Structures are given as C-alpha cells and as structure tokens.
Protein backbone atom coordinates (compact mmCIF):
# COMPACT_ATOMS: atom_id res chain seq x y z
CA MET A 1 8.42 32.86 55.80
CA PRO A 2 10.07 34.19 58.96
CA GLN A 3 11.65 37.57 58.88
CA LEU A 4 14.91 37.28 60.45
CA GLU A 5 14.89 38.88 63.93
CA THR A 6 18.40 41.15 63.86
CA SER A 7 17.89 43.71 65.96
CA SER A 8 20.09 42.31 68.87
CA TRP A 9 22.93 41.89 66.37
CA PHE A 10 24.73 45.26 67.31
CA ILE A 11 25.63 44.45 70.68
CA THR A 12 26.42 41.34 70.76
CA ILE A 13 28.90 42.33 67.25
CA LEU A 14 29.55 45.27 69.95
CA SER A 15 30.63 42.77 72.59
CA MET A 16 32.81 40.25 70.57
CA ILE A 17 34.56 42.78 69.68
CA LEU A 18 35.60 44.62 73.30
CA THR A 19 35.45 41.00 74.31
CA LEU A 20 38.32 40.76 72.00
CA TYR A 21 39.78 43.27 72.77
CA ILE A 22 40.35 43.13 76.04
CA ILE A 23 41.26 39.36 75.75
CA MET A 24 44.04 40.96 73.13
CA GLN A 25 45.58 43.66 75.56
CA LEU A 26 45.38 41.74 79.00
CA LYS A 27 47.74 39.50 76.62
CA ILE A 28 50.01 41.75 75.37
CA SER A 29 50.15 43.32 79.30
CA LYS A 30 51.34 40.32 80.24
CA HIS A 31 54.67 39.79 77.22
CA MET A 32 58.37 40.36 79.03
CA TYR A 33 60.27 42.57 76.80
CA TYR A 34 63.69 43.55 77.11
CA GLN A 35 64.27 46.85 79.91
CA ASN A 36 67.39 48.17 77.85
CA PRO A 37 68.02 46.39 73.96
CA GLU A 38 71.09 46.13 72.98
CA PRO A 39 72.88 45.36 69.38
CA THR A 40 74.51 42.20 69.46
CA SER A 41 77.97 42.61 67.29
CA THR A 42 78.24 38.85 64.58
CA LYS A 43 81.08 37.73 63.85
CA LYS A 44 81.87 36.74 59.88
CA THR A 45 83.20 33.62 59.86
CA LYS A 46 84.95 32.93 56.72
CA HIS A 47 84.34 29.95 54.76
CA SER A 48 86.44 28.15 52.16
CA THR A 49 84.53 27.37 48.67
CA PRO A 50 86.24 26.42 45.78
CA TRP A 51 84.28 28.82 43.79
CA GLN A 52 85.36 32.18 45.87
CA THR A 53 88.61 32.75 43.73
CA LYS A 54 87.46 31.99 40.40
CA TRP A 55 84.86 34.04 38.44
CA THR A 56 82.59 32.45 37.25
CA LYS A 57 79.61 33.08 34.11
CA ILE A 58 76.76 31.77 33.98
CA TYR A 59 75.31 31.19 30.05
CA SER A 60 71.67 31.34 29.65
CA PRO A 61 70.28 29.06 26.86
CA LEU A 62 69.18 31.30 24.77
CA SER A 63 72.30 33.49 24.85
CA LEU A 64 74.60 30.41 23.49
CA PRO A 65 75.44 30.45 19.84
CA GLN A 66 72.80 28.33 17.63
CA GLN A 67 74.47 24.98 16.07
C-alpha cells in the first residue's frame, strides 16, 4: 500500500488561509459605512385592542379544580 505524500500540505494550507484572509479584507474594505451614525427616534403608535383595558387571567389545565 503506497504512502500518502504529505510534505506539501503545510504550504498548501498556509497559502489557502492567507488567500482567504486577503479576499475577506478586500471585501470588507469595499463595504460602505456611514460616517456619522445617529440614532433615529421611533414614534410609538397606540393600537386599539379589546384586551388592553381589561385584565385577563390564563388558567393552566393543571391548576384547574378536579371534576
């Protein structure tokens, strides 16, 4: 059974990692960012729902009395 040649693996893996790093850096550097981000105020809208004015209690089936 022939032996597996592994002498070039180190340089292959190293060059692959370096190439991926360079590609990612180039992609990130082309990304446009805002120069001065400012928070935007969000207006709260009041929704008219029937359950807003009354309190509702939810009973768990296990806490109900035995019948």
